[in-house]
């Protein structure tokens, strides 16, 4: 007599718990023989290495470019000032909160003229100098709720009773 419903199912072959070298694949660089955590292709450069590369003679680069027989366009890096610095490799230890660290000075364009711009991260007001308003002939309006600004260095108060709307580009 046969038991119905109790058929023998062949077990699939068990997978190896330790994959061999050829089974491993790096998902970032698609290399075989290692996982991402063991990847030898770490793309990290220090500032010193970057400076050494920039200081290397550019004659080598021109030789490499001329030796390529293919029609490949190699663009040179753009030379100029670096406008933004990004802290990417390490965190700077926080030191004393000095006012100088909170002030950012730059230039901006207002009505086609280049003007100085100061951004104070500790300030909660936006202020335009009266000389700027007068020289560029901006129209002012009475401030709906006048207030006083106090400067720490002078100890004087400045009453803000006018407001101006201006647009600028950095």
C-alpha atoms as a PDB file:
ATOM      1  CA  UNK A   1       0.000   0.000   0.000  1.00  0.00           C
ATOM      2  CA  UNK A   2       1.292   3.432  -0.956  1.00  0.00           C
ATOM      3  CA  UNK A   3       1.134   6.457   1.319  1.00  0.00           C
ATOM      4  CA  UNK A   4      -0.580   9.204  -0.553  1.00  0.00           C
ATOM      5  CA  UNK A   5       0.853  12.685  -0.191  1.00  0.00           C
ATOM      6  CA  UNK A   6       4.104  11.501   1.270  1.00  0.00           C
ATOM      7  CA  UNK A   7       6.447  11.552  -1.639  1.00  0.00           C
ATOM      8  CA  UNK A   8      10.132  11.854  -1.150  1.00  0.00           C
ATOM      9  CA  UNK A   9      11.473  15.240  -2.212  1.00  0.00           C
ATOM     10  CA  UNK A  10      15.087  15.401  -3.271  1.00  0.00           C
ATOM     11  CA  UNK A  11      16.932  17.980  -1.193  1.00  0.00           C
ATOM     12  CA  UNK A  12      18.696  20.591  -3.314  1.00  0.00           C
ATOM     13  CA  UNK A  13      22.462  20.536  -2.924  1.00  0.00           C
ATOM     14  CA  UNK A  14      23.489  22.598   0.077  1.00  0.00           C
ATOM     15  CA  UNK A  15      25.246  25.857  -0.679  1.00  0.00           C
ATOM     16  CA  UNK A  16      28.746  26.280   0.597  1.00  0.00           C
ATOM     17  CA  UNK A  17      28.971  28.473   3.667  1.00  0.00           C
ATOM     18  CA  UNK A  18      32.361  29.836   2.592  1.00  0.00           C
ATOM     19  CA  UNK A  19      32.275  31.066  -0.997  1.00  0.00           C
ATOM     20  CA  UNK A  20      35.365  30.383  -3.027  1.00  0.00           C
ATOM     21  CA  UNK A  21      37.534  33.177  -4.349  1.00  0.00           C
ATOM     22  CA  UNK A  22      35.817  33.169  -7.757  1.00  0.00           C
ATOM     23  CA  UNK A  23      32.337  33.432  -6.187  1.00  0.00           C
ATOM     24  CA  UNK A  24      33.085  36.725  -4.424  1.00  0.00           C
ATOM     25  CA  UNK A  25      32.200  39.950  -6.248  1.00  0.00           C
ATOM     26  CA  UNK A  26      32.852  43.573  -5.263  1.00  0.00           C
ATOM     27  CA  UNK A  27      29.623  45.490  -5.813  1.00  0.00           C
ATOM     28  CA  UNK A  28      31.302  48.892  -6.030  1.00  0.00           C
ATOM     29  CA  UNK A  29      34.021  48.222  -8.606  1.00  0.00           C
ATOM     30  CA  UNK A  30      32.609  44.903  -9.962  1.00  0.00           C
ATOM     31  CA  UNK A  31      35.858  43.059  -9.371  1.00  0.00           C
ATOM     32  CA  UNK A  32      35.954  39.345  -8.618  1.00  0.00           C
ATOM     33  CA  UNK A  33      37.694  37.611  -5.755  1.00  0.00           C
ATOM     34  CA  UNK A  34      36.760  40.008  -2.951  1.00  0.00           C
ATOM     35  CA  UNK A  35      33.835  41.740  -1.301  1.00  0.00           C
ATOM     36  CA  UNK A  36      33.413  45.513  -0.983  1.00  0.00           C
ATOM     37  CA  UNK A  37      34.750  45.530   2.597  1.00  0.00           C
ATOM     38  CA  UNK A  38      37.980  43.867   1.390  1.00  0.00           C
ATOM     39  CA  UNK A  39      38.285  45.980  -1.774  1.00  0.00           C
ATOM     40  CA  UNK A  40      41.861  47.052  -2.579  1.00  0.00           C
ATOM     41  CA  UNK A  41      40.572  49.848  -4.843  1.00  0.00           C
ATOM     42  CA  UNK A  42      39.868  52.429  -2.167  1.00  0.00           C
ATOM     43  CA  UNK A  43      39.545  55.798  -3.889  1.00  0.00           C
ATOM     44  CA  UNK A  44      40.909  58.039  -1.152  1.00  0.00           C
ATOM     45  CA  UNK A  45      43.506  60.734  -1.705  1.00  0.00           C
ATOM     46  CA  UNK A  46      45.053  63.020   0.832  1.00  0.00           C
ATOM     47  CA  UNK A  47      45.683  66.686   0.164  1.00  0.00           C
ATOM     48  CA  UNK A  48      49.418  65.987   0.091  1.00  0.00           C
ATOM     49  CA  UNK A  49      48.964  63.404  -2.696  1.00  0.00           C
ATOM     50  CA  UNK A  50      46.821  65.844  -4.678  1.00  0.00           C
ATOM     51  CA  UNK A  51      49.473  68.557  -4.330  1.00  0.00           C
ATOM     52  CA  UNK A  52      52.157  66.111  -5.524  1.00  0.00           C
ATOM     53  CA  UNK A  53      50.069  65.245  -8.578  1.00  0.00           C
ATOM     54  CA  UNK A  54      49.496  68.919  -9.378  1.00  0.00           C
ATOM     55  CA  UNK A  55      53.215  69.669  -8.945  1.00  0.00           C
ATOM     56  CA  UNK A  56      54.262  66.874 -11.349  1.00  0.00           C
ATOM     57  CA  UNK A  57      55.566  68.118 -14.702  1.00  0.00           C
ATOM     58  CA  UNK A  58      52.856  68.429 -17.307  1.00  0.00           C
ATOM     59  CA  UNK A  59      55.218  67.168 -20.028  1.00  0.00           C
ATOM     60  CA  UNK A  60      54.268  63.601 -19.129  1.00  0.00           C
ATOM     61  CA  UNK A  61      50.600  64.391 -19.738  1.00  0.00           C
ATOM     62  CA  UNK A  62      51.255  65.766 -23.220  1.00  0.00           C
ATOM     63  CA  UNK A  63      53.283  62.646 -24.128  1.00  0.00           C
ATOM     64  CA  UNK A  64      50.431  60.394 -23.020  1.00  0.00           C
ATOM     65  CA  UNK A  65      47.881  62.430 -24.958  1.00  0.00           C
ATOM     66  CA  UNK A  66      49.921  62.323 -28.176  1.00  0.00           C
ATOM     67  CA  UNK A  67      50.534  58.567 -27.915  1.00  0.00           C
ATOM     68  CA  UNK A  68      46.818  57.697 -28.068  1.00  0.00           C
ATOM     69  CA  UNK A  69      45.855  56.642 -31.589  1.00  0.00           C
ATOM     70  CA  UNK A  70      42.119  56.731 -30.864  1.00  0.00           C
ATOM     71  CA  UNK A  71      40.039  59.844 -31.310  1.00  0.00           C
ATOM     72  CA  UNK A  72      39.691  60.667 -27.636  1.00  0.00           C
ATOM     73  CA  UNK A  73      39.145  64.179 -26.386  1.00  0.00           C
ATOM     74  CA  UNK A  74      41.022  64.832 -23.165  1.00  0.00           C
ATOM     75  CA  UNK A  75      39.923  68.014 -21.448  1.00  0.00           C
ATOM     76  CA  UNK A  76      42.396  69.848 -19.261  1.00  0.00           C
ATOM     77  CA  UNK A  77      41.227  70.851 -15.795  1.00  0.00           C
ATOM     78  CA  UNK A  78      39.829  74.334 -15.438  1.00  0.00           C
ATOM     79  CA  UNK A  79      42.283  76.698 -13.801  1.00  0.00           C
ATOM     80  CA  UNK A  80      41.022  79.332 -11.418  1.00  0.00           C
ATOM     81  CA  UNK A  81      40.241  80.065  -7.828  1.00  0.00           C
ATOM     82  CA  UNK A  82      38.494  77.495  -5.683  1.00  0.00           C
ATOM     83  CA  UNK A  83      35.346  79.147  -4.399  1.00  0.00           C
ATOM     84  CA  UNK A  84      34.060  76.450  -2.047  1.00  0.00           C
ATOM     85  CA  UNK A  85      36.033  74.311   0.375  1.00  0.00           C
ATOM     86  CA  UNK A  86      34.443  71.103   1.527  1.00  0.00           C
ATOM     87  CA  UNK A  87      35.550  69.287   4.642  1.00  0.00           C
ATOM     88  CA  UNK A  88      35.382  65.730   3.413  1.00  0.00           C
ATOM     89  CA  UNK A  89      38.216  63.707   4.876  1.00  0.00           C
ATOM     90  CA  UNK A  90      38.218  64.630   8.533  1.00  0.00           C
ATOM     91  CA  UNK A  91      36.259  66.551  11.094  1.00  0.00           C
ATOM     92  CA  UNK A  92      37.933  69.567  12.643  1.00  0.00           C
ATOM     93  CA  UNK A  93      37.909  69.727  16.382  1.00  0.00           C
ATOM     94  CA  UNK A  94      35.728  72.536  17.611  1.00  0.00           C
ATOM     95  CA  UNK A  95      37.749  75.300  19.192  1.00  0.00           C
ATOM     96  CA  UNK A  96      36.701  78.512  20.874  1.00  0.00           C
ATOM     97  CA  UNK A  97      33.694  80.149  19.261  1.00  0.00           C
ATOM     98  CA  UNK A  98      35.369  83.248  17.959  1.00  0.00           C
ATOM     99  CA  UNK A  99      33.406  85.899  16.075  1.00  0.00           C
ATOM    100  CA  UNK A 100      35.894  85.695  13.205  1.00  0.00           C
ATOM    101  CA  UNK A 101      34.825  82.127  12.443  1.00  0.00           C
ATOM    102  CA  UNK A 102      31.216  83.203  12.013  1.00  0.00           C
ATOM    103  CA  UNK A 103      31.817  85.994   9.483  1.00  0.00           C
ATOM    104  CA  UNK A 104      32.052  85.277   5.743  1.00  0.00           C
ATOM    105  CA  UNK A 105      33.171  88.086   3.433  1.00  0.00           C
ATOM    106  CA  UNK A 106      32.552  87.987  -0.305  1.00  0.00           C
ATOM    107  CA  UNK A 107      31.661  90.157  -3.287  1.00  0.00           C
ATOM    108  CA  UNK A 108      28.273  90.462  -4.926  1.00  0.00           C
ATOM    109  CA  UNK A 109      26.704  92.275  -7.855  1.00  0.00           C
ATOM    110  CA  UNK A 110      23.907  94.790  -7.271  1.00  0.00           C
ATOM    111  CA  UNK A 111      22.539  96.726 -10.260  1.00  0.00           C
ATOM    112  CA  UNK A 112      25.624  95.786 -12.263  1.00  0.00           C
ATOM    113  CA  UNK A 113      28.088  97.102  -9.667  1.00  0.00           C
ATOM    114  CA  UNK A 114      30.400  94.974  -7.550  1.00  0.00           C
ATOM    115  CA  UNK A 115      29.854  95.451  -3.808  1.00  0.00           C
ATOM    116  CA  UNK A 116      31.244  93.933  -0.619  1.00  0.00           C
ATOM    117  CA  UNK A 117      29.039  91.420   1.150  1.00  0.00           C
ATOM    118  CA  UNK A 118      29.380  90.235   4.739  1.00  0.00           C
ATOM    119  CA  UNK A 119      27.436  87.235   6.000  1.00  0.00           C
ATOM    120  CA  UNK A 120      27.344  86.891   9.777  1.00  0.00           C
ATOM    121  CA  UNK A 121      26.060  83.474  10.819  1.00  0.00           C
ATOM    122  CA  UNK A 122      25.359  84.744  14.333  1.00  0.00           C
ATOM    123  CA  UNK A 123      23.151  87.606  13.167  1.00  0.00           C
ATOM    124  CA  UNK A 124      19.381  87.488  12.979  1.00  0.00           C
ATOM    125  CA  UNK A 125      18.917  90.647  10.874  1.00  0.00           C
ATOM    126  CA  UNK A 126      19.651  91.539   7.265  1.00  0.00           C
ATOM    127  CA  UNK A 127      21.152  95.015   6.982  1.00  0.00           C
ATOM    128  CA  UNK A 128      22.081  97.190   3.996  1.00  0.00           C
ATOM    129  CA  UNK A 129      24.355 100.189   4.527  1.00  0.00           C
ATOM    130  CA  UNK A 130      22.821 103.625   3.987  1.00  0.00           C
ATOM    131  CA  UNK A 131      25.713 104.541   1.675  1.00  0.00           C
ATOM    132  CA  UNK A 132      24.786 101.576  -0.543  1.00  0.00           C
ATOM    133  CA  UNK A 133      21.162 102.700  -0.663  1.00  0.00           C
ATOM    134  CA  UNK A 134      22.134 106.301  -1.448  1.00  0.00           C
ATOM    135  CA  UNK A 135      24.812 105.569  -4.085  1.00  0.00           C
ATOM    136  CA  UNK A 136      22.676 103.069  -6.001  1.00  0.00           C
ATOM    137  CA  UNK A 137      19.521 105.217  -5.673  1.00  0.00           C
ATOM    138  CA  UNK A 138      17.311 102.605  -4.035  1.00  0.00           C
ATOM    139  CA  UNK A 139      13.919 103.744  -2.835  1.00  0.00           C
ATOM    140  CA  UNK A 140      13.219 103.189   0.846  1.00  0.00           C
ATOM    141  CA  UNK A 141       9.988 102.714   2.725  1.00  0.00           C
ATOM    142  CA  UNK A 142       9.232 103.323   6.388  1.00  0.00           C
ATOM    143  CA  UNK A 143       9.761 100.222   8.501  1.00  0.00           C
ATOM    144  CA  UNK A 144       6.433  98.958   9.928  1.00  0.00           C
ATOM    145  CA  UNK A 145       7.980  98.321  13.360  1.00  0.00           C
ATOM    146  CA  UNK A 146      11.223 100.287  13.908  1.00  0.00           C
ATOM    147  CA  UNK A 147      13.841  98.771  16.196  1.00  0.00           C
ATOM    148  CA  UNK A 148      17.359  99.479  17.455  1.00  0.00           C
ATOM    149  CA  UNK A 149      20.569  97.624  16.644  1.00  0.00           C
ATOM    150  CA  UNK A 150      23.360  97.643  19.179  1.00  0.00           C
ATOM    151  CA  UNK A 151      26.947  97.063  18.129  1.00  0.00           C
ATOM    152  CA  UNK A 152      29.164  95.399  20.714  1.00  0.00           C
ATOM    153  CA  UNK A 153      32.337  97.262  19.795  1.00  0.00           C
ATOM    154  CA  UNK A 154      30.905 100.804  19.878  1.00  0.00           C
ATOM    155  CA  UNK A 155      28.287 100.459  22.563  1.00  0.00           C
ATOM    156  CA  UNK A 156      26.107 102.726  20.401  1.00  0.00           C
ATOM    157  CA  UNK A 157      22.611 101.991  19.213  1.00  0.00           C
ATOM    158  CA  UNK A 158      21.388 102.515  15.682  1.00  0.00           C
ATOM    159  CA  UNK A 159      17.695 103.037  15.066  1.00  0.00           C
ATOM    160  CA  UNK A 160      16.352 101.153  12.051  1.00  0.00           C
ATOM    161  CA  UNK A 161      13.380 103.105  10.727  1.00  0.00           C
ATOM    162  CA  UNK A 162      13.652 102.527   6.945  1.00  0.00           C
ATOM    163  CA  UNK A 163      13.625  99.394   4.848  1.00  0.00           C
ATOM    164  CA  UNK A 164      14.755  98.638   1.302  1.00  0.00           C
ATOM    165  CA  UNK A 165      14.158  95.706  -1.014  1.00  0.00           C
ATOM    166  CA  UNK A 166      17.112  94.815  -3.226  1.00  0.00           C
ATOM    167  CA  UNK A 167      18.251  91.846  -5.248  1.00  0.00           C
ATOM    168  CA  UNK A 168      21.858  90.745  -5.596  1.00  0.00           C
ATOM    169  CA  UNK A 169      23.839  87.916  -7.113  1.00  0.00           C
ATOM    170  CA  UNK A 170      26.981  86.290  -5.801  1.00  0.00           C
END
